[in-house]
Protein backbone atom coordinates (compact mmCIF):
# COMPACT_ATOMS: atom_id res chain seq x y z
CA MET A 1 103.26 129.22 100.17
CA THR A 2 100.44 131.07 103.16
CA THR A 3 97.39 129.57 102.50
CA PRO A 4 94.14 130.06 104.78
CA GLU A 5 94.65 126.91 106.50
CA THR A 6 98.17 127.77 107.65
CA ARG A 7 97.75 131.45 108.24
CA GLN A 8 96.77 131.20 111.33
CA LEU A 9 99.34 128.50 112.56
CA PRO A 10 102.24 129.87 114.62
CA LEU A 11 105.30 129.39 111.92
CA ALA A 12 102.75 131.02 108.55
CA ASP A 13 105.14 132.96 106.70
CA LEU A 14 108.14 131.14 107.44
CA LYS A 15 109.72 129.50 104.23
CA VAL A 16 111.86 126.40 104.91
CA LEU A 17 114.21 125.02 101.67
CA GLU A 18 115.07 121.22 102.68
CA LEU A 19 117.98 119.69 101.05
CA GLY A 20 118.16 116.75 103.23
CA GLN A 21 117.28 112.96 102.81
CA LEU A 22 115.80 110.08 104.86
CA ILE A 23 115.33 110.76 108.41
CA ALA A 24 116.71 113.27 110.26
CA GLY A 25 116.78 116.79 108.29
CA PRO A 26 113.54 115.50 106.85
CA PHE A 27 111.89 114.67 110.25
CA ALA A 28 112.81 118.37 111.58
CA THR A 29 111.08 120.27 108.77
CA LYS A 30 108.09 117.76 109.38
CA LEU A 31 107.92 119.42 112.46
CA LEU A 32 108.15 122.69 111.16
CA GLY A 33 105.47 122.00 108.34
CA GLU A 34 102.92 121.08 110.92
CA PHE A 35 102.94 124.04 112.68
CA GLY A 36 102.69 126.07 108.95
CA ALA A 37 105.88 126.56 107.77
CA ASP A 38 106.15 126.34 103.99
CA VAL A 39 108.55 123.25 103.31
CA ILE A 40 109.87 122.59 99.73
CA LYS A 41 112.15 119.82 99.75
CA VAL A 42 114.47 119.48 97.01
CA GLU A 43 114.70 115.86 95.64
CA PRO A 44 116.50 114.24 93.12
CA PRO A 45 114.87 113.63 89.45
CA GLY A 46 113.83 110.44 88.70
CA THR A 47 114.71 108.77 92.02
CA GLY A 48 113.56 110.98 95.09
CA ASP A 49 114.47 110.47 98.73
CA PRO A 50 115.51 107.16 99.00
CA LEU A 51 113.08 107.14 101.96
CA ARG A 52 109.79 106.68 99.28
CA LYS A 53 111.15 102.64 98.89
CA TRP A 54 112.23 102.20 102.95
CA ARG A 55 110.02 100.22 105.40
CA MET A 56 106.52 98.49 104.11
CA ILE A 57 105.83 99.68 100.45
CA GLU A 58 102.37 100.24 98.75
CA ASP A 59 101.79 100.80 95.46
CA GLY A 60 105.33 101.78 95.00
CA THR A 61 105.35 104.50 97.87
CA SER A 62 106.72 103.95 101.47
CA LEU A 63 104.08 104.04 104.03
CA TRP A 64 106.30 105.78 106.12
CA TRP A 65 106.29 108.43 103.42
CA HIS A 66 102.88 109.51 104.26
CA VAL A 67 104.23 110.70 107.71
CA GLN A 68 107.63 111.82 107.03
CA THR A 69 106.87 114.37 104.05
CA ARG A 70 103.07 115.43 105.29
CA ASN A 71 102.72 119.17 104.54
CA LYS A 72 105.64 119.70 102.27
CA ARG A 73 105.79 120.06 98.58
CA SER A 74 108.22 118.41 96.52
CA VAL A 75 110.83 120.02 93.79
CA SER A 76 112.91 117.43 91.71
CA LEU A 77 116.22 119.74 91.11
CA ASP A 78 119.29 117.60 90.14
CA LEU A 79 121.61 119.77 92.34
CA ARG A 80 124.83 118.21 90.85
CA SER A 81 124.18 120.50 87.67
CA THR A 82 125.27 123.73 87.04
CA GLU A 83 121.86 125.34 86.42
CA GLY A 84 120.21 123.19 89.34
CA GLN A 85 122.72 125.06 91.93
CA ASP A 86 121.50 127.78 90.75
CA LEU A 87 118.03 127.61 91.30
CA VAL A 88 118.66 126.48 94.85
CA ARG A 89 120.48 129.50 95.55
CA ARG A 90 117.16 131.40 94.20
CA LEU A 91 115.63 129.32 96.65
CA ALA A 92 117.17 129.66 99.66
CA ALA A 93 117.71 133.51 98.89
CA GLU A 94 114.07 133.98 99.47
CA ALA A 95 114.28 131.29 102.46
CA ASP A 96 114.13 131.64 106.29
CA VAL A 97 115.60 128.16 106.90
CA LEU A 98 117.32 125.76 104.91
CA VAL A 99 117.75 122.07 106.97
CA GLU A 100 120.52 119.89 105.20
CA ASN A 101 121.93 116.17 106.43
CA PHE A 102 124.60 115.57 103.72
CA ARG A 103 128.06 114.66 104.42
CA PRO A 104 129.73 117.88 105.71
CA GLY A 105 131.59 119.92 102.62
CA THR A 106 129.24 118.30 99.95
CA LEU A 107 126.68 121.54 100.18
CA GLU A 108 130.62 123.52 99.77
CA GLY A 109 131.52 121.16 96.89
CA TRP A 110 128.32 122.25 94.93
CA GLY A 111 129.05 126.10 95.81
CA LEU A 112 125.77 126.01 97.96
CA GLY A 113 127.78 126.65 101.39
CA TRP A 114 127.09 128.60 104.27
CA GLU A 115 129.11 131.41 103.33
CA GLU A 116 127.98 131.80 99.93
CA LEU A 117 124.51 131.24 101.20
CA SER A 118 124.69 133.58 104.12
CA ALA A 119 126.15 136.17 101.74
CA ALA A 120 123.05 136.59 98.98
CA ASN A 121 120.49 136.36 102.51
CA PRO A 122 122.26 137.58 105.48
CA GLY A 123 118.74 136.55 107.67
CA LEU A 124 119.27 132.82 106.42
CA ILE A 125 119.13 130.24 108.99
CA MET A 126 121.32 127.27 107.68
CA VAL A 127 120.57 124.16 109.54
CA ARG A 128 123.28 121.26 109.44
CA VAL A 129 122.87 117.60 110.53
CA SER A 130 125.22 115.30 109.95
CA GLY A 131 127.08 112.06 111.93
CA TYR A 132 129.67 113.85 113.46
CA GLY A 133 129.31 117.65 112.97
CA GLN A 134 131.09 119.82 110.78
CA THR A 135 134.12 120.16 112.54
CA GLY A 136 136.37 117.72 114.38
CA PRO A 137 138.67 114.61 113.04
CA TYR A 138 135.85 113.02 112.51
CA ARG A 139 133.52 115.17 110.21
CA ASP A 140 134.32 113.71 106.71
CA LYS A 141 133.13 110.20 107.74
CA PRO A 142 129.83 108.94 107.16
CA GLY A 143 127.71 108.76 109.63
CA PHE A 144 123.79 107.14 110.10
CA GLY A 145 121.82 107.45 113.20
CA VAL A 146 123.18 103.62 114.32
CA ILE A 147 126.46 104.74 114.26
CA GLY A 148 125.64 107.85 116.18
CA GLU A 149 123.55 105.52 118.90
CA ALA A 150 126.64 103.48 119.15
CA MET A 151 129.15 106.63 119.64
CA GLY A 152 126.69 108.12 121.84
CA GLY A 153 127.13 105.47 124.42
CA LEU A 154 123.31 104.38 123.78
CA ARG A 155 123.88 101.01 122.11
CA TYR A 156 126.32 99.75 124.63
CA LEU A 157 123.73 99.79 127.60
CA THR A 158 120.96 98.75 125.71
CA GLY A 159 120.77 94.44 125.77
CA GLN A 160 121.06 92.19 128.44
CA PRO A 161 124.59 91.99 130.20
CA GLY A 162 127.12 89.64 128.44
CA GLU A 163 124.97 89.59 125.41
CA PRO A 164 125.65 91.32 122.17
CA SER A 165 124.12 94.89 122.27
CA VAL A 166 120.53 95.32 120.46
CA ARG A 167 118.90 98.59 118.49
CA VAL A 168 116.18 100.13 119.62
CA GLY A 169 113.66 99.26 117.15
CA VAL A 170 113.14 103.46 115.51
CA SER A 171 116.05 105.43 114.23
CA ILE A 172 116.24 106.97 117.30
CA GLY A 173 119.32 109.30 117.22
CA ASP A 174 117.97 110.47 113.69
CA SER A 175 114.74 111.52 115.27
CA LEU A 176 116.63 113.11 118.35
CA SER A 177 119.16 115.04 116.42
CA ALA A 178 115.87 116.41 114.30
CA LEU A 179 114.58 117.23 117.78
CA TYR A 180 117.73 119.47 118.26
CA ALA A 181 117.49 120.79 115.12
CA VAL A 182 114.50 122.52 115.56
CA ILE A 183 114.96 123.61 119.03
CA GLY A 184 118.31 125.24 117.46
CA THR A 185 115.66 126.90 114.77
CA LEU A 186 113.55 128.44 116.68
CA LEU A 187 116.19 129.77 119.22
CA ALA A 188 117.99 131.06 115.86
CA LEU A 189 114.24 132.54 114.93
CA GLN A 190 114.27 134.38 117.93
CA GLU A 191 117.55 135.66 117.95
CA ARG A 192 116.70 136.86 114.40
CA GLN A 193 114.53 139.08 115.42
CA ARG A 194 116.70 141.42 117.64
CA SER A 195 119.50 141.49 115.38
CA GLY A 196 118.38 140.50 111.55
CA LEU A 197 120.57 138.19 110.97
CA GLY A 198 120.78 134.16 110.67
CA GLN A 199 123.28 131.92 111.61
CA GLU A 200 124.35 128.51 111.50
CA ILE A 201 123.19 125.23 113.41
CA ASP A 202 125.64 122.70 113.62
CA VAL A 203 123.89 119.15 114.97
CA ALA A 204 125.68 115.75 115.23
CA LEU A 205 124.06 113.01 115.54
CA TYR A 206 126.38 111.10 118.19
CA GLU A 207 126.56 114.37 119.85
CA SER A 208 122.10 113.88 119.84
CA VAL A 209 122.52 110.93 121.59
CA PHE A 210 124.90 111.64 124.06
CA ALA A 211 123.40 114.26 125.38
CA MET A 212 120.69 112.21 126.55
CA MET A 213 122.54 109.79 128.49
CA GLU A 214 122.11 111.53 132.17
CA SER A 215 124.77 110.47 134.80
CA LEU A 216 126.90 108.23 132.58
CA LEU A 217 130.14 110.55 132.07
CA PRO A 218 130.20 112.39 136.03
CA GLU A 219 129.86 109.02 137.22
CA TYR A 220 132.81 107.40 134.91
CA ASP A 221 134.67 110.40 136.33
CA ALA A 222 133.80 110.50 139.51
CA SER A 223 134.56 106.85 140.41
CA GLY A 224 135.93 104.95 137.14
CA GLU A 225 132.83 103.24 137.03
CA ILE A 226 131.63 102.11 133.39
CA ARG A 227 127.36 101.87 133.48
CA GLN A 228 126.78 98.30 131.88
CA PRO A 229 124.08 96.99 130.09
CA SER A 230 121.57 95.61 132.36
CA GLY A 231 118.39 94.63 130.12
CA SER A 232 114.84 96.20 131.18
CA ALA A 233 116.07 97.16 134.79
CA LEU A 234 117.07 100.67 135.31
CA PRO A 235 120.21 100.85 137.25
CA GLY A 236 120.19 102.52 140.48
CA ILE A 237 116.63 103.64 140.29
CA THR A 238 114.45 101.09 142.37
CA PRO A 239 112.60 99.07 141.59
CA SER A 240 111.60 99.89 138.03
CA ASN A 241 111.87 96.56 135.78
CA ALA A 242 109.82 94.12 133.45
CA TYR A 243 108.51 91.34 135.30
CA ARG A 244 107.06 88.05 134.12
CA CYS A 245 103.12 87.47 134.57
CA LEU A 246 101.33 84.03 134.68
CA GLU A 247 100.44 83.49 130.87
CA GLY A 248 104.62 84.58 130.04
CA ASP A 249 103.90 87.94 128.89
CA TYR A 250 105.38 91.21 130.88
CA VAL A 251 103.99 94.08 133.05
CA LEU A 252 106.26 96.93 133.51
CA ILE A 253 106.17 98.68 137.13
CA ALA A 254 108.04 101.91 138.30
CA GLY A 255 107.77 101.33 142.01
CA ASN A 256 110.72 103.62 142.69
CA GLY A 257 109.33 106.55 144.52
CA ASP A 258 108.95 106.50 148.20
CA SER A 259 105.22 106.09 148.60
CA ILE A 260 104.77 104.14 145.54
CA PHE A 261 107.22 101.67 147.02
CA ARG A 262 105.56 101.56 150.33
CA ARG A 263 102.26 100.85 148.10
CA LEU A 264 103.47 98.41 146.07
CA MET A 265 104.98 96.12 148.80
CA GLN A 266 101.60 96.08 150.43
CA VAL A 267 99.76 94.97 147.04
CA ILE A 268 102.63 92.16 146.57
CA GLU A 269 101.96 91.18 150.52
CA ARG A 270 105.49 92.09 151.38
CA PRO A 271 105.84 94.56 154.27
CA ASP A 272 108.45 93.52 155.83
CA LEU A 273 110.07 95.31 152.98
CA GLY A 274 107.65 98.39 152.75
CA GLU A 275 108.26 99.02 156.54
CA ALA A 276 112.15 98.29 156.54
CA PRO A 277 113.97 101.43 156.98
CA GLU A 278 116.77 100.84 155.26
CA LEU A 279 114.75 100.74 152.23
CA ALA A 280 113.20 103.94 152.76
CA HIS A 281 114.97 105.50 149.96
CA ASN A 282 116.33 104.74 146.52
CA ASP A 283 119.80 104.41 147.66
CA GLY A 284 118.99 101.70 149.92
CA ARG A 285 116.67 99.91 147.61
CA THR A 286 119.18 99.78 144.60
CA ARG A 287 121.73 98.39 147.12
CA ARG A 288 118.88 95.65 147.49
CA ALA A 289 117.83 95.65 143.91
CA ALA A 290 117.72 91.96 142.95
CA GLU A 291 115.77 90.97 146.44
CA ILE A 292 113.25 93.28 145.95
CA ASP A 293 112.60 92.13 141.83
CA ALA A 294 112.38 88.95 142.66
CA ALA A 295 110.00 89.68 145.16
CA ILE A 296 107.91 91.25 142.70
CA GLU A 297 108.30 88.89 140.14
CA ALA A 298 107.24 86.06 142.41
CA TRP A 299 104.25 88.33 142.68
CA THR A 300 103.22 88.56 139.37
CA ARG A 301 103.93 84.82 138.00
CA GLN A 302 101.21 83.96 139.98
CA ARG A 303 99.17 86.12 137.78
CA PRO A 304 97.21 87.05 134.35
CA ARG A 305 98.56 90.61 132.98
CA GLU A 306 95.22 92.45 133.66
CA GLU A 307 94.41 91.22 137.03
CA ILE A 308 98.38 93.03 137.49
CA LEU A 309 97.37 95.98 136.12
CA ALA A 310 94.08 96.53 137.73
CA THR A 311 95.19 95.77 141.16
CA LEU A 312 98.31 98.02 140.60
CA ASP A 313 96.35 100.84 138.96
CA ALA A 314 93.72 101.06 142.26
CA ALA A 315 97.04 101.10 144.43
CA ARG A 316 98.02 103.86 142.04
CA VAL A 317 101.41 102.18 141.41
CA PRO A 318 102.78 102.90 138.01
CA VAL A 319 102.24 99.97 135.73
CA GLY A 320 101.77 98.97 132.06
CA TYR A 321 102.73 96.45 129.52
CA PRO A 322 104.73 96.80 125.80
CA TYR A 323 102.23 97.91 123.63
CA THR A 324 102.25 96.58 120.18
CA ALA A 325 100.89 98.72 116.56
CA ALA A 326 97.48 96.80 117.09
CA ASP A 327 97.10 97.79 121.18
CA ILE A 328 98.17 101.69 120.04
CA ALA A 329 95.55 101.96 117.05
CA THR A 330 92.88 100.87 119.57
CA ASP A 331 93.68 101.94 123.37
CA PRO A 332 90.94 104.57 124.15
CA HIS A 333 93.50 106.96 125.28
CA TYR A 334 95.48 107.15 122.51
CA LEU A 335 91.79 107.89 120.76
CA ALA A 336 91.04 110.01 123.21
CA ARG A 337 93.55 112.64 122.84
CA GLU A 338 93.65 112.26 118.98
CA MET A 339 96.98 110.79 118.94
CA ILE A 340 95.67 108.37 116.14
CA GLN A 341 94.11 111.03 112.97
CA THR A 342 93.13 109.51 109.87
CA PHE A 343 93.82 110.95 106.40
CA THR A 344 92.58 110.21 102.62
CA ARG A 345 95.12 108.73 100.19
CA PRO A 346 95.06 110.35 96.57
CA ASP A 347 92.81 106.77 95.73
CA GLY A 348 90.85 107.65 98.23
CA ARG A 349 91.78 105.37 101.25
CA PRO A 350 91.94 106.20 104.53
CA LEU A 351 95.26 105.72 106.64
CA LYS A 352 95.93 105.77 110.39
CA VAL A 353 98.96 108.27 111.08
CA PRO A 354 100.56 110.06 114.57
CA GLY A 355 99.07 113.18 115.25
CA VAL A 356 100.89 115.97 115.93
CA LEU A 357 103.29 116.85 118.69
CA PRO A 358 103.85 119.46 120.92
CA ARG A 359 100.18 120.30 121.89
CA LEU A 360 99.31 124.26 121.45
CA SER A 361 96.10 125.25 122.90
CA ALA A 362 95.38 128.44 120.46
CA THR A 363 97.59 127.66 117.56
CA PRO A 364 97.48 123.68 117.50
CA GLY A 365 99.52 121.86 114.40
CA ARG A 366 98.03 120.62 111.62
CA LEU A 367 97.45 116.48 109.80
CA GLY A 368 97.62 117.98 106.33
CA ASN A 369 98.39 115.81 103.51
CA GLY A 370 100.19 112.66 102.97
CA GLY A 371 103.81 112.86 101.19
CA PRO A 372 103.65 114.26 97.59
CA ALA A 373 104.59 112.69 94.47
CA LEU A 374 108.02 113.38 93.37
CA GLY A 375 108.39 116.97 91.77
CA GLN A 376 104.87 117.43 92.28
CA HIS A 377 104.83 121.02 93.01
CA THR A 378 108.57 121.82 91.00
CA ASP A 379 106.54 123.83 88.39
CA GLU A 380 104.36 125.66 91.24
CA VAL A 381 107.68 126.60 93.01
CA LEU A 382 109.51 127.53 89.76
CA ASP A 383 106.62 129.87 89.00
CA GLU A 384 107.02 131.75 92.28
CA LEU A 385 110.62 132.18 91.57
CA GLY A 386 109.62 133.81 88.00
CA ILE A 387 110.76 131.00 85.76
CA ASP A 388 108.53 130.77 82.98
CA GLU A 389 106.78 127.51 81.21
CA ALA A 390 109.48 127.68 78.03
CA THR A 391 112.58 127.90 80.53
CA ARG A 392 110.94 124.80 82.86
CA ALA A 393 110.50 122.88 79.39
CA ARG A 394 114.13 123.08 78.86
CA LEU A 395 115.25 122.01 82.05
CA ARG A 396 113.03 119.31 82.08
CA SER A 397 114.05 118.18 78.76
CA ALA A 398 117.72 118.23 80.19
CA GLY A 399 117.18 116.31 83.34
CA ILE A 400 117.87 119.10 85.61
CA ILE A 401 114.27 118.84 87.16
């Protein structure tokens, strides 16, 4: 549903049907909705998307919900019922894009697979996000983001050498898959302008993670080398690590550019390292990474964090520290770039949420409203399909909507 607010946005007039839940599929549609797409989110009656009850709950609803589901319209609909499936077919017949993240074969079992829906709507773009993809021997296995992170190679590398791997503190595998889903959607829309035809987009969680693993595979293929966990260091890129400060906290220093390294060594009063010919380039520094890291930390351990930050900023050496949520919420750079936004909840209370990315100069995305109540837009959307009030009342009494 295009509104005056969305008419000038780049994805205005794009209708997106979301059949997914939790993270990967809904995060993809969130991004589309921020740039003007009319996202119709289908949720099961009574319970809704499980994300409504994930993480911190306030007044019965997850605070995460207000980020993940902003700019969407919620329709409560039982996909397991025959009439519910018929309604989805009608919605899909009018949609430009359908995003789903069920286990492969689930929609086919309901008569809502690609073959059926694309036959009725040849221009439909169907984005399918799953743990292992729509084909292959693992396609039927359940797969959450953490399993994709493990199979994609990320989990093996996180943590300290010799200790159990740790996970990134957010659902990075799901979010990476959502980004690939959006990229695939935009590519398919561009192709549809030429051919008039939609297509199926197959996004696997493990592949989205694996695609981020840089030189992991070619290094193994060429030398048999299996990259190992390295704690806070970045193996093969020196120096780039976390260093303890005087009061026990840490700074992160990336001195791995050749000229940056020389400036860093001058600051820490180690010109012998900065001017050593064998350390002029990264490959030589990597062979002596432990020595260089020790020299840097010998300097940082004698100074409080704020002094280190100021000194290295002045020397144009990249430096930072691990931000907490409190640091983010008050940081002047975040605020200046409007990455901390505030929307008003239905009860009038403000809530800080992340801003919209990417930044477009002429048609920036919209913050919009928080997540809708379950089924808030069911009557509105079904009315747009031409389903009268009496029929809606019957479907509601039957528990289908």
